[in-house]
N, C-alpha and C. Protein backbone atom coordinates (compact mmCIF):
# COMPACT_ATOMS: atom_id res chain seq x y z
N MET A 1 48.47 32.51 -16.65
CA MET A 1 47.12 32.12 -16.29
C MET A 1 46.94 30.65 -16.64
N ALA A 2 46.74 29.82 -15.65
CA ALA A 2 46.54 28.39 -15.88
C ALA A 2 45.21 28.17 -16.58
N GLY A 3 45.22 27.32 -17.58
CA GLY A 3 43.98 27.06 -18.31
C GLY A 3 43.49 28.27 -19.06
N ALA A 4 44.42 29.03 -19.64
CA ALA A 4 44.04 30.26 -20.32
C ALA A 4 43.79 30.01 -21.81
N LEU A 5 43.02 30.90 -22.37
CA LEU A 5 42.68 30.91 -23.77
C LEU A 5 43.12 32.25 -24.34
N THR A 6 43.79 32.24 -25.47
CA THR A 6 44.17 33.50 -26.12
C THR A 6 42.99 33.98 -26.95
N LEU A 7 42.57 35.21 -26.74
CA LEU A 7 41.48 35.82 -27.49
C LEU A 7 42.05 36.94 -28.35
N ARG A 8 41.83 36.84 -29.66
CA ARG A 8 42.25 37.89 -30.59
C ARG A 8 41.03 38.34 -31.39
N VAL A 9 40.72 39.62 -31.31
CA VAL A 9 39.64 40.20 -32.11
C VAL A 9 40.31 41.05 -33.17
N ILE A 10 40.08 40.68 -34.43
CA ILE A 10 40.79 41.29 -35.56
C ILE A 10 39.77 41.92 -36.50
N THR A 11 40.01 43.18 -36.88
CA THR A 11 39.17 43.87 -37.87
C THR A 11 40.06 44.23 -39.05
N PRO A 12 39.48 44.73 -40.14
CA PRO A 12 40.32 45.14 -41.27
C PRO A 12 41.31 46.24 -40.91
N ASP A 13 41.00 47.02 -39.86
CA ASP A 13 41.85 48.15 -39.48
C ASP A 13 42.90 47.84 -38.44
N SER A 14 42.60 46.89 -37.54
CA SER A 14 43.53 46.68 -36.43
C SER A 14 43.23 45.38 -35.67
N ILE A 15 44.12 45.08 -34.75
CA ILE A 15 43.87 44.02 -33.77
C ILE A 15 43.28 44.74 -32.56
N VAL A 16 42.01 44.55 -32.33
CA VAL A 16 41.28 45.27 -31.28
C VAL A 16 41.63 44.73 -29.91
N LEU A 17 41.81 43.41 -29.81
CA LEU A 17 42.05 42.78 -28.53
C LEU A 17 42.97 41.59 -28.73
N ASP A 18 43.94 41.43 -27.86
CA ASP A 18 44.84 40.27 -27.88
C ASP A 18 45.22 40.00 -26.43
N ILE A 19 44.43 39.15 -25.77
CA ILE A 19 44.59 38.91 -24.34
C ILE A 19 44.48 37.43 -24.00
N GLN A 20 44.83 37.11 -22.76
CA GLN A 20 44.61 35.78 -22.18
C GLN A 20 43.33 35.88 -21.35
N THR A 21 42.44 34.92 -21.51
CA THR A 21 41.19 34.93 -20.77
C THR A 21 40.82 33.51 -20.37
N SER A 22 39.86 33.40 -19.47
CA SER A 22 39.42 32.08 -19.03
C SER A 22 38.11 31.65 -19.67
N ALA A 23 37.39 32.59 -20.29
CA ALA A 23 36.11 32.26 -20.93
C ALA A 23 35.70 33.37 -21.89
N VAL A 24 35.02 32.98 -22.97
CA VAL A 24 34.51 33.94 -23.96
C VAL A 24 33.10 33.52 -24.34
N ARG A 25 32.23 34.51 -24.51
CA ARG A 25 30.88 34.28 -25.03
C ARG A 25 30.69 35.26 -26.18
N LEU A 26 30.29 34.74 -27.35
CA LEU A 26 30.15 35.61 -28.52
C LEU A 26 28.86 35.30 -29.26
N PRO A 27 28.37 36.29 -30.04
CA PRO A 27 27.11 36.10 -30.77
C PRO A 27 27.33 35.36 -32.08
N GLY A 28 26.85 34.13 -32.16
CA GLY A 28 26.89 33.38 -33.41
C GLY A 28 25.59 33.61 -34.16
N VAL A 29 25.57 33.31 -35.44
CA VAL A 29 24.35 33.52 -36.21
C VAL A 29 23.22 32.59 -35.74
N ASP A 30 23.57 31.48 -35.09
CA ASP A 30 22.56 30.56 -34.58
C ASP A 30 22.35 30.68 -33.08
N GLY A 31 22.94 31.69 -32.45
CA GLY A 31 22.81 31.88 -31.01
C GLY A 31 24.15 32.10 -30.36
N GLN A 32 24.15 32.26 -29.05
CA GLN A 32 25.37 32.51 -28.30
C GLN A 32 26.28 31.29 -28.31
N ILE A 33 27.59 31.57 -28.39
CA ILE A 33 28.60 30.51 -28.39
C ILE A 33 29.53 30.75 -27.20
N GLY A 34 29.74 29.74 -26.41
CA GLY A 34 30.65 29.83 -25.28
C GLY A 34 31.93 29.07 -25.58
N ILE A 35 33.06 29.68 -25.29
CA ILE A 35 34.37 29.07 -25.55
C ILE A 35 35.17 29.08 -24.26
N LEU A 36 35.70 27.92 -23.90
CA LEU A 36 36.56 27.77 -22.74
C LEU A 36 37.92 27.24 -23.21
N PRO A 37 38.95 27.31 -22.38
CA PRO A 37 40.24 26.73 -22.76
C PRO A 37 40.07 25.26 -23.15
N ARG A 38 40.91 24.82 -24.08
CA ARG A 38 40.91 23.44 -24.59
C ARG A 38 39.66 23.10 -25.39
N HIS A 39 39.01 24.11 -25.95
CA HIS A 39 37.83 23.88 -26.79
C HIS A 39 38.25 23.15 -28.06
N ALA A 40 37.38 22.33 -28.60
CA ALA A 40 37.66 21.62 -29.85
C ALA A 40 37.80 22.62 -30.99
N HIS A 41 38.54 22.21 -32.02
CA HIS A 41 38.70 23.06 -33.20
C HIS A 41 37.31 23.38 -33.76
N MET A 42 37.11 24.64 -34.16
CA MET A 42 35.79 25.06 -34.61
C MET A 42 35.90 26.32 -35.46
N VAL A 43 35.02 26.45 -36.43
CA VAL A 43 34.84 27.69 -37.18
C VAL A 43 33.35 27.99 -37.14
N ALA A 44 33.00 29.25 -36.84
CA ALA A 44 31.59 29.62 -36.74
C ALA A 44 31.39 31.03 -37.28
N ALA A 45 30.20 31.30 -37.78
CA ALA A 45 29.84 32.64 -38.24
C ALA A 45 29.47 33.50 -37.04
N VAL A 46 29.98 34.72 -37.02
CA VAL A 46 29.72 35.67 -35.94
C VAL A 46 28.67 36.67 -36.40
N ASP A 47 27.74 36.98 -35.51
CA ASP A 47 26.68 37.94 -35.79
C ASP A 47 26.98 39.25 -35.05
N VAL A 48 26.16 40.24 -35.28
CA VAL A 48 26.28 41.52 -34.59
C VAL A 48 25.89 41.33 -33.14
N GLY A 49 26.66 41.91 -32.23
CA GLY A 49 26.29 41.83 -30.82
C GLY A 49 27.44 42.06 -29.87
N GLN A 50 27.30 41.49 -28.70
CA GLN A 50 28.25 41.69 -27.61
C GLN A 50 29.11 40.45 -27.43
N LEU A 51 30.41 40.64 -27.45
CA LEU A 51 31.36 39.58 -27.13
C LEU A 51 31.78 39.84 -25.68
N SER A 52 31.61 38.84 -24.82
CA SER A 52 31.98 38.97 -23.40
C SER A 52 33.17 38.07 -23.12
N TYR A 53 34.04 38.54 -22.24
CA TYR A 53 35.21 37.75 -21.86
C TYR A 53 35.56 38.07 -20.42
N ASN A 54 36.31 37.17 -19.81
CA ASN A 54 36.72 37.32 -18.43
C ASN A 54 38.18 37.75 -18.40
N GLU A 55 38.44 38.86 -17.75
CA GLU A 55 39.83 39.35 -17.64
C GLU A 55 40.12 39.66 -16.19
N GLY A 56 41.00 38.87 -15.60
CA GLY A 56 41.36 39.09 -14.20
C GLY A 56 40.18 38.94 -13.26
N GLY A 57 39.27 38.04 -13.56
CA GLY A 57 38.11 37.82 -12.71
C GLY A 57 36.98 38.81 -12.94
N VAL A 58 37.16 39.72 -13.89
CA VAL A 58 36.13 40.72 -14.20
C VAL A 58 35.56 40.44 -15.58
N GLU A 59 34.23 40.43 -15.67
CA GLU A 59 33.58 40.24 -16.96
C GLU A 59 33.62 41.55 -17.73
N LYS A 60 34.15 41.50 -18.95
CA LYS A 60 34.23 42.68 -19.82
C LYS A 60 33.58 42.34 -21.14
N SER A 61 33.30 43.37 -21.93
CA SER A 61 32.65 43.10 -23.21
C SER A 61 33.07 44.13 -24.24
N LEU A 62 32.80 43.77 -25.51
CA LEU A 62 33.01 44.68 -26.61
C LEU A 62 32.00 44.39 -27.70
N PHE A 63 31.81 45.35 -28.57
CA PHE A 63 30.89 45.22 -29.69
C PHE A 63 31.61 44.54 -30.85
N VAL A 64 30.93 43.57 -31.49
CA VAL A 64 31.46 42.94 -32.70
C VAL A 64 30.35 42.91 -33.75
N SER A 65 30.76 42.95 -35.01
CA SER A 65 29.78 42.81 -36.08
C SER A 65 30.10 41.57 -36.89
N GLU A 66 29.48 41.43 -38.03
CA GLU A 66 29.57 40.20 -38.81
C GLU A 66 31.01 39.77 -39.08
N GLY A 67 31.21 38.45 -39.06
CA GLY A 67 32.52 37.90 -39.34
C GLY A 67 32.53 36.41 -39.05
N PHE A 68 33.68 35.92 -38.62
CA PHE A 68 33.77 34.51 -38.25
C PHE A 68 34.71 34.35 -37.07
N ALA A 69 34.55 33.22 -36.39
CA ALA A 69 35.41 32.88 -35.26
C ALA A 69 36.05 31.54 -35.54
N GLU A 70 37.31 31.42 -35.15
CA GLU A 70 38.02 30.16 -35.31
C GLU A 70 38.71 29.81 -34.00
N VAL A 71 38.46 28.61 -33.52
CA VAL A 71 39.18 28.09 -32.37
C VAL A 71 40.15 27.05 -32.90
N LYS A 72 41.42 27.25 -32.58
CA LYS A 72 42.46 26.30 -32.99
C LYS A 72 43.52 26.32 -31.91
N GLY A 73 43.86 25.15 -31.42
CA GLY A 73 44.78 25.11 -30.29
C GLY A 73 44.07 25.75 -29.11
N ASN A 74 44.73 26.61 -28.44
CA ASN A 74 44.11 27.33 -27.33
C ASN A 74 43.95 28.81 -27.69
N THR A 75 43.64 29.07 -28.97
CA THR A 75 43.48 30.43 -29.45
C THR A 75 42.13 30.58 -30.14
N LEU A 76 41.43 31.65 -29.78
CA LEU A 76 40.18 32.02 -30.43
C LEU A 76 40.45 33.29 -31.22
N ARG A 77 40.31 33.19 -32.53
CA ARG A 77 40.43 34.36 -33.39
C ARG A 77 39.04 34.75 -33.86
N VAL A 78 38.67 36.01 -33.61
CA VAL A 78 37.40 36.54 -34.08
C VAL A 78 37.75 37.59 -35.13
N VAL A 79 37.42 37.30 -36.38
CA VAL A 79 37.70 38.22 -37.49
C VAL A 79 36.36 38.81 -37.89
N CYS A 80 36.22 40.14 -37.73
CA CYS A 80 34.92 40.76 -37.97
C CYS A 80 35.07 42.12 -38.63
N GLU A 81 33.96 42.58 -39.20
CA GLU A 81 33.94 43.89 -39.87
C GLU A 81 34.27 45.02 -38.90
N ALA A 82 33.71 44.94 -37.69
CA ALA A 82 33.95 45.97 -36.68
C ALA A 82 34.06 45.32 -35.31
N GLY A 83 34.97 45.81 -34.52
CA GLY A 83 35.13 45.40 -33.13
C GLY A 83 35.49 46.64 -32.34
N GLU A 84 34.67 46.97 -31.35
CA GLU A 84 34.88 48.23 -30.63
C GLU A 84 34.80 48.00 -29.13
N LEU A 85 35.83 48.43 -28.43
CA LEU A 85 35.82 48.43 -26.97
C LEU A 85 34.85 49.51 -26.51
N PRO A 86 34.23 49.36 -25.34
CA PRO A 86 33.27 50.36 -24.89
C PRO A 86 33.81 51.79 -24.88
N ALA A 87 35.08 51.95 -24.50
CA ALA A 87 35.67 53.28 -24.46
C ALA A 87 35.78 53.92 -25.85
N ASP A 88 35.73 53.09 -26.90
CA ASP A 88 35.86 53.61 -28.26
C ASP A 88 34.52 53.86 -28.94
N ILE A 89 33.42 53.51 -28.29
CA ILE A 89 32.10 53.70 -28.88
C ILE A 89 31.61 55.10 -28.58
N ASP A 90 31.18 55.80 -29.62
CA ASP A 90 30.61 57.15 -29.49
C ASP A 90 29.11 56.99 -29.25
N GLU A 91 28.68 57.25 -28.01
CA GLU A 91 27.28 57.04 -27.65
C GLU A 91 26.33 57.90 -28.48
N GLU A 92 26.68 59.16 -28.68
CA GLU A 92 25.82 60.05 -29.47
C GLU A 92 25.66 59.54 -30.89
N ARG A 93 26.76 59.10 -31.47
CA ARG A 93 26.72 58.58 -32.83
C ARG A 93 25.85 57.33 -32.92
N ALA A 94 25.95 56.45 -31.92
CA ALA A 94 25.13 55.24 -31.89
C ALA A 94 23.65 55.59 -31.78
N LYS A 95 23.31 56.58 -30.95
CA LYS A 95 21.92 57.00 -30.80
C LYS A 95 21.40 57.62 -32.10
N GLU A 96 22.24 58.42 -32.75
CA GLU A 96 21.83 59.03 -34.03
C GLU A 96 21.63 57.96 -35.11
N ALA A 97 22.52 56.96 -35.12
CA ALA A 97 22.38 55.87 -36.09
C ALA A 97 21.09 55.10 -35.85
N GLU A 98 20.75 54.89 -34.59
CA GLU A 98 19.50 54.21 -34.28
C GLU A 98 18.30 55.02 -34.77
N ALA A 99 18.32 56.32 -34.51
CA ALA A 99 17.21 57.19 -34.94
C ALA A 99 17.07 57.19 -36.46
N ARG A 100 18.21 57.28 -37.17
CA ARG A 100 18.16 57.26 -38.64
C ARG A 100 17.59 55.94 -39.16
N ALA A 101 18.04 54.84 -38.58
CA ALA A 101 17.56 53.52 -39.02
C ALA A 101 16.07 53.37 -38.75
N ARG A 102 15.61 53.82 -37.59
CA ARG A 102 14.18 53.73 -37.29
C ARG A 102 13.37 54.60 -38.25
N ALA A 103 13.90 55.78 -38.59
CA ALA A 103 13.19 56.66 -39.54
C ALA A 103 13.13 56.01 -40.92
N ARG A 104 14.23 55.40 -41.36
CA ARG A 104 14.22 54.72 -42.66
C ARG A 104 13.24 53.56 -42.68
N LEU A 105 13.19 52.80 -41.59
CA LEU A 105 12.25 51.68 -41.51
C LEU A 105 10.81 52.17 -41.54
N LYS A 106 10.55 53.25 -40.84
CA LYS A 106 9.19 53.81 -40.81
C LYS A 106 8.79 54.32 -42.19
N ALA A 107 9.72 54.98 -42.88
CA ALA A 107 9.45 55.52 -44.22
C ALA A 107 9.25 54.41 -45.24
N GLN A 108 9.89 53.27 -45.04
CA GLN A 108 9.83 52.18 -46.00
C GLN A 108 8.64 51.25 -45.80
N ARG A 109 7.92 51.40 -44.71
CA ARG A 109 6.77 50.52 -44.47
C ARG A 109 5.84 50.55 -45.68
N GLY A 110 5.64 49.38 -46.25
CA GLY A 110 4.76 49.29 -47.42
C GLY A 110 5.44 49.67 -48.72
N GLY A 111 6.72 50.10 -48.64
CA GLY A 111 7.46 50.48 -49.84
C GLY A 111 8.03 49.27 -50.55
N PRO A 112 8.43 49.43 -51.80
CA PRO A 112 8.88 48.30 -52.59
C PRO A 112 10.36 47.92 -52.41
N ASP A 113 11.16 48.74 -51.74
CA ASP A 113 12.60 48.53 -51.71
C ASP A 113 13.03 47.66 -50.53
N ALA A 114 13.08 46.36 -50.74
CA ALA A 114 13.44 45.41 -49.68
C ALA A 114 14.90 45.54 -49.27
N VAL A 115 15.77 45.93 -50.20
CA VAL A 115 17.20 46.07 -49.89
C VAL A 115 17.41 47.17 -48.86
N ASP A 116 16.73 48.29 -49.03
CA ASP A 116 16.84 49.37 -48.06
C ASP A 116 16.33 48.95 -46.69
N MET A 117 15.28 48.13 -46.67
CA MET A 117 14.75 47.63 -45.40
C MET A 117 15.80 46.76 -44.69
N LEU A 118 16.45 45.88 -45.44
CA LEU A 118 17.48 45.02 -44.84
C LEU A 118 18.65 45.84 -44.31
N ARG A 119 19.05 46.84 -45.08
CA ARG A 119 20.16 47.71 -44.62
C ARG A 119 19.77 48.47 -43.37
N ALA A 120 18.55 49.00 -43.35
CA ALA A 120 18.09 49.76 -42.19
C ALA A 120 17.98 48.85 -40.96
N GLU A 121 17.48 47.63 -41.14
CA GLU A 121 17.39 46.70 -40.02
C GLU A 121 18.78 46.34 -39.49
N ALA A 122 19.74 46.13 -40.39
CA ALA A 122 21.11 45.82 -39.97
C ALA A 122 21.73 47.00 -39.23
N ALA A 123 21.50 48.21 -39.72
CA ALA A 123 22.03 49.41 -39.05
C ALA A 123 21.41 49.56 -37.67
N LEU A 124 20.13 49.27 -37.56
CA LEU A 124 19.45 49.36 -36.27
C LEU A 124 20.02 48.34 -35.28
N ARG A 125 20.24 47.11 -35.73
CA ARG A 125 20.82 46.08 -34.86
C ARG A 125 22.21 46.49 -34.36
N ARG A 126 23.03 47.06 -35.26
CA ARG A 126 24.38 47.49 -34.86
C ARG A 126 24.31 48.62 -33.83
N ALA A 127 23.44 49.59 -34.07
CA ALA A 127 23.32 50.74 -33.16
C ALA A 127 22.85 50.29 -31.78
N ILE A 128 21.88 49.40 -31.74
CA ILE A 128 21.37 48.91 -30.45
C ILE A 128 22.44 48.08 -29.73
N ALA A 129 23.16 47.24 -30.46
CA ALA A 129 24.22 46.43 -29.85
C ALA A 129 25.31 47.32 -29.26
N ARG A 130 25.69 48.37 -29.97
CA ARG A 130 26.71 49.30 -29.44
C ARG A 130 26.22 49.93 -28.14
N GLN A 131 24.96 50.34 -28.11
CA GLN A 131 24.42 50.96 -26.90
C GLN A 131 24.34 49.97 -25.74
N ARG A 132 24.04 48.71 -26.03
CA ARG A 132 24.02 47.68 -24.98
C ARG A 132 25.40 47.52 -24.36
N VAL A 133 26.42 47.45 -25.21
CA VAL A 133 27.79 47.31 -24.71
C VAL A 133 28.16 48.52 -23.86
N LEU A 134 27.76 49.71 -24.30
CA LEU A 134 28.03 50.92 -23.51
C LEU A 134 27.32 50.88 -22.17
N GLY A 135 26.08 50.40 -22.15
CA GLY A 135 25.32 50.30 -20.91
C GLY A 135 25.98 49.35 -19.93
N LEU A 136 26.48 48.22 -20.41
CA LEU A 136 27.19 47.27 -19.56
C LEU A 136 28.48 47.88 -19.04
N TYR A 137 29.17 48.62 -19.89
CA TYR A 137 30.42 49.25 -19.50
C TYR A 137 30.17 50.27 -18.38
N ALA A 138 29.10 51.03 -18.52
CA ALA A 138 28.78 52.03 -17.50
C ALA A 138 28.50 51.36 -16.15
N ARG A 139 27.79 50.22 -16.18
CA ARG A 139 27.52 49.48 -14.95
C ARG A 139 28.79 48.92 -14.34
N GLU A 140 29.72 48.44 -15.19
CA GLU A 140 30.99 47.91 -14.70
C GLU A 140 31.79 49.00 -14.00
N ARG A 141 31.77 50.20 -14.56
CA ARG A 141 32.55 51.30 -13.98
C ARG A 141 31.98 51.73 -12.65
N VAL A 142 30.64 51.66 -12.50
CA VAL A 142 30.00 52.02 -11.24
C VAL A 142 30.40 51.05 -10.13
N ARG A 143 30.49 49.75 -10.48
CA ARG A 143 30.87 48.72 -9.50
C ARG A 143 32.33 48.84 -9.08
N SER A 144 33.18 49.37 -9.94
CA SER A 144 34.62 49.43 -9.64
C SER A 144 34.95 50.50 -8.64
């Protein structure tokens, strides 16, 4: 692939993705970050959300959680707590996690435990992001 960028998504458990792509968009803590081949060296914090990439002219995506991204040479390494391809996301589990997080947030309203609120908000963001990636995957499959 001329003008290709190597994309590697690495978690503590495995290398989730190791491909050649022409473009990547990932969730940074300060907003979306776009990476193209020949990008300048960079290190950035990665937030929870959807990482999108182009493979064979088709836009694909996966779920990523907190971590960091490094561009060096023509390689983008995304090291994160979790990285899940749409086929690996359990939709029922994501919906249950969202319901639990919403229930915890509702129960904590006005309560003194700020740590539990932060954890519940983070769990809710992860559950919603997983469901978004699944929704995009379902639309991609319909078009194919």
